[in-house]
Amino acid sequence: MKAEGEAAQIDRVIDRLAIGTPAVTPAEVERVVRSIHARFVDSRVREFIPLLVEKAARRHFAEQSTPPVDHVAAAWAAAVVESPS
């Protein structure tokens, strides 16, 4: 893959994710995508890099949107459900 082709595909990844993740600013989407893309700088096989970057970025945003688990509340809720009436 030519470098300009890969760059154009990364730009399209940024556009898709900016539209698909409205809770995240376009600037943050671009920062995350470019950061992930930079991890592949030394990769010799380039064909699937845009796909891998998009998948990693989607995973990143999904993990960021998941609220942290309150383990105490979760344990209490489980105990309430399991207790006999």
C-alpha atoms as a PDB file:
ATOM      1  CA  MET A   1       0.000   0.000   0.000  1.00  0.00           C
ATOM      2  CA  LYS A   2       1.309   3.425  -0.830  1.00  0.00           C
ATOM      3  CA  ALA A   3       1.777   5.835   2.060  1.00  0.00           C
ATOM      4  CA  GLU A   4      -0.725   8.346   0.673  1.00  0.00           C
ATOM      5  CA  GLY A   5      -3.311   5.565   0.354  1.00  0.00           C
ATOM      6  CA  GLU A   6      -2.813   4.585   3.968  1.00  0.00           C
ATOM      7  CA  ALA A   7      -2.962   8.216   5.090  1.00  0.00           C
ATOM      8  CA  ALA A   8      -6.249   8.703   3.233  1.00  0.00           C
ATOM      9  CA  GLN A   9      -7.668   5.561   4.831  1.00  0.00           C
ATOM     10  CA  ILE A  10      -6.630   6.772   8.291  1.00  0.00           C
ATOM     11  CA  ASP A  11      -8.363  10.090   7.565  1.00  0.00           C
ATOM     12  CA  ARG A  12     -11.534   8.157   6.684  1.00  0.00           C
ATOM     13  CA  VAL A  13     -11.222   6.164   9.928  1.00  0.00           C
ATOM     14  CA  ILE A  14     -11.079   9.463  11.817  1.00  0.00           C
ATOM     15  CA  ASP A  15     -14.156  10.732   9.961  1.00  0.00           C
ATOM     16  CA  ARG A  16     -16.150   7.539  10.639  1.00  0.00           C
ATOM     17  CA  LEU A  17     -15.260   7.462  14.314  1.00  0.00           C
ATOM     18  CA  ALA A  18     -15.948  11.181  14.773  1.00  0.00           C
ATOM     19  CA  ILE A  19     -19.465  10.586  13.441  1.00  0.00           C
ATOM     20  CA  GLY A  20     -19.925   7.285  15.285  1.00  0.00           C
ATOM     21  CA  THR A  21     -18.766   8.478  18.705  1.00  0.00           C
ATOM     22  CA  PRO A  22     -20.631  11.743  19.329  1.00  0.00           C
ATOM     23  CA  ALA A  23     -19.666  11.763  23.018  1.00  0.00           C
ATOM     24  CA  VAL A  24     -16.025  12.253  21.997  1.00  0.00           C
ATOM     25  CA  THR A  25     -14.761  15.431  20.361  1.00  0.00           C
ATOM     26  CA  PRO A  26     -13.426  15.126  16.809  1.00  0.00           C
ATOM     27  CA  ALA A  27     -10.066  16.398  18.059  1.00  0.00           C
ATOM     28  CA  GLU A  28      -9.891  13.602  20.637  1.00  0.00           C
ATOM     29  CA  VAL A  29     -10.873  11.032  18.007  1.00  0.00           C
ATOM     30  CA  GLU A  30      -8.084  12.272  15.765  1.00  0.00           C
ATOM     31  CA  ARG A  31      -5.568  12.251  18.628  1.00  0.00           C
ATOM     32  CA  VAL A  32      -6.419   8.674  19.597  1.00  0.00           C
ATOM     33  CA  VAL A  33      -6.423   7.376  16.018  1.00  0.00           C
ATOM     34  CA  ARG A  34      -3.106   9.027  15.164  1.00  0.00           C
ATOM     35  CA  SER A  35      -1.579   7.741  18.399  1.00  0.00           C
ATOM     36  CA  ILE A  36      -2.674   4.188  17.633  1.00  0.00           C
ATOM     37  CA  HIS A  37      -1.519   4.536  14.030  1.00  0.00           C
ATOM     38  CA  ALA A  38       1.929   5.612  15.241  1.00  0.00           C
ATOM     39  CA  ARG A  39       2.317   2.243  16.973  1.00  0.00           C
ATOM     40  CA  PHE A  40       2.453   0.606  13.545  1.00  0.00           C
ATOM     41  CA  VAL A  41       5.212   2.821  12.145  1.00  0.00           C
ATOM     42  CA  ASP A  42       7.715  -0.047  11.910  1.00  0.00           C
ATOM     43  CA  SER A  43       5.283  -2.637  10.544  1.00  0.00           C
ATOM     44  CA  ARG A  44       6.417  -4.086   7.243  1.00  0.00           C
ATOM     45  CA  VAL A  45       3.021  -5.354   6.108  1.00  0.00           C
ATOM     46  CA  ARG A  46       0.861  -2.251   5.718  1.00  0.00           C
ATOM     47  CA  GLU A  47      -2.337  -3.522   4.051  1.00  0.00           C
ATOM     48  CA  PHE A  48      -4.410  -4.052   7.178  1.00  0.00           C
ATOM     49  CA  ILE A  49      -3.098  -1.236   9.338  1.00  0.00           C
ATOM     50  CA  PRO A  50      -6.100   1.096   8.826  1.00  0.00           C
ATOM     51  CA  LEU A  51      -8.431  -1.757   9.816  1.00  0.00           C
ATOM     52  CA  LEU A  52      -6.346  -2.587  12.891  1.00  0.00           C
ATOM     53  CA  VAL A  53      -6.194   1.084  13.868  1.00  0.00           C
ATOM     54  CA  GLU A  54      -9.962   1.462  13.562  1.00  0.00           C
ATOM     55  CA  LYS A  55     -10.604  -1.668  15.611  1.00  0.00           C
ATOM     56  CA  ALA A  56      -8.207  -0.551  18.357  1.00  0.00           C
ATOM     57  CA  ALA A  57      -9.718   2.943  18.429  1.00  0.00           C
ATOM     58  CA  ARG A  58     -13.268   1.569  18.663  1.00  0.00           C
ATOM     59  CA  ARG A  59     -12.165  -0.666  21.541  1.00  0.00           C
ATOM     60  CA  HIS A  60     -10.515   2.319  23.239  1.00  0.00           C
ATOM     61  CA  PHE A  61     -13.677   4.431  23.021  1.00  0.00           C
ATOM     62  CA  ALA A  62     -15.886   1.533  24.156  1.00  0.00           C
ATOM     63  CA  GLU A  63     -13.695   1.016  27.213  1.00  0.00           C
ATOM     64  CA  GLN A  64     -13.757   4.735  27.969  1.00  0.00           C
ATOM     65  CA  SER A  65     -17.556   4.875  27.809  1.00  0.00           C
ATOM     66  CA  THR A  66     -18.084   1.949  30.184  1.00  0.00           C
ATOM     67  CA  PRO A  67     -18.640   3.318  33.680  1.00  0.00           C
ATOM     68  CA  PRO A  68     -16.367   1.906  36.358  1.00  0.00           C
ATOM     69  CA  VAL A  69     -17.860  -0.883  38.421  1.00  0.00           C
ATOM     70  CA  ASP A  70     -18.717  -0.009  41.981  1.00  0.00           C
ATOM     71  CA  HIS A  71     -17.751  -3.348  43.520  1.00  0.00           C
ATOM     72  CA  VAL A  72     -19.431  -2.622  46.850  1.00  0.00           C
ATOM     73  CA  ALA A  73     -22.730  -1.733  45.184  1.00  0.00           C
ATOM     74  CA  ALA A  74     -22.476  -4.749  42.878  1.00  0.00           C
ATOM     75  CA  ALA A  75     -21.853  -7.091  45.826  1.00  0.00           C
ATOM     76  CA  TRP A  76     -24.733  -5.560  47.774  1.00  0.00           C
ATOM     77  CA  ALA A  77     -27.082  -5.896  44.787  1.00  0.00           C
ATOM     78  CA  ALA A  78     -26.063  -9.534  44.338  1.00  0.00           C
ATOM     79  CA  ALA A  79     -26.678 -10.228  48.033  1.00  0.00           C
ATOM     80  CA  VAL A  80     -30.126  -8.627  47.881  1.00  0.00           C
ATOM     81  CA  VAL A  81     -31.084 -10.703  44.845  1.00  0.00           C
ATOM     82  CA  GLU A  82     -29.842 -13.942  46.437  1.00  0.00           C
ATOM     83  CA  SER A  83     -31.395 -13.422  49.890  1.00  0.00           C
ATOM     84  CA  PRO A  84     -34.528 -15.472  50.611  1.00  0.00           C
ATOM     85  CA  SER A  85     -37.789 -13.560  50.883  1.00  0.00           C
END
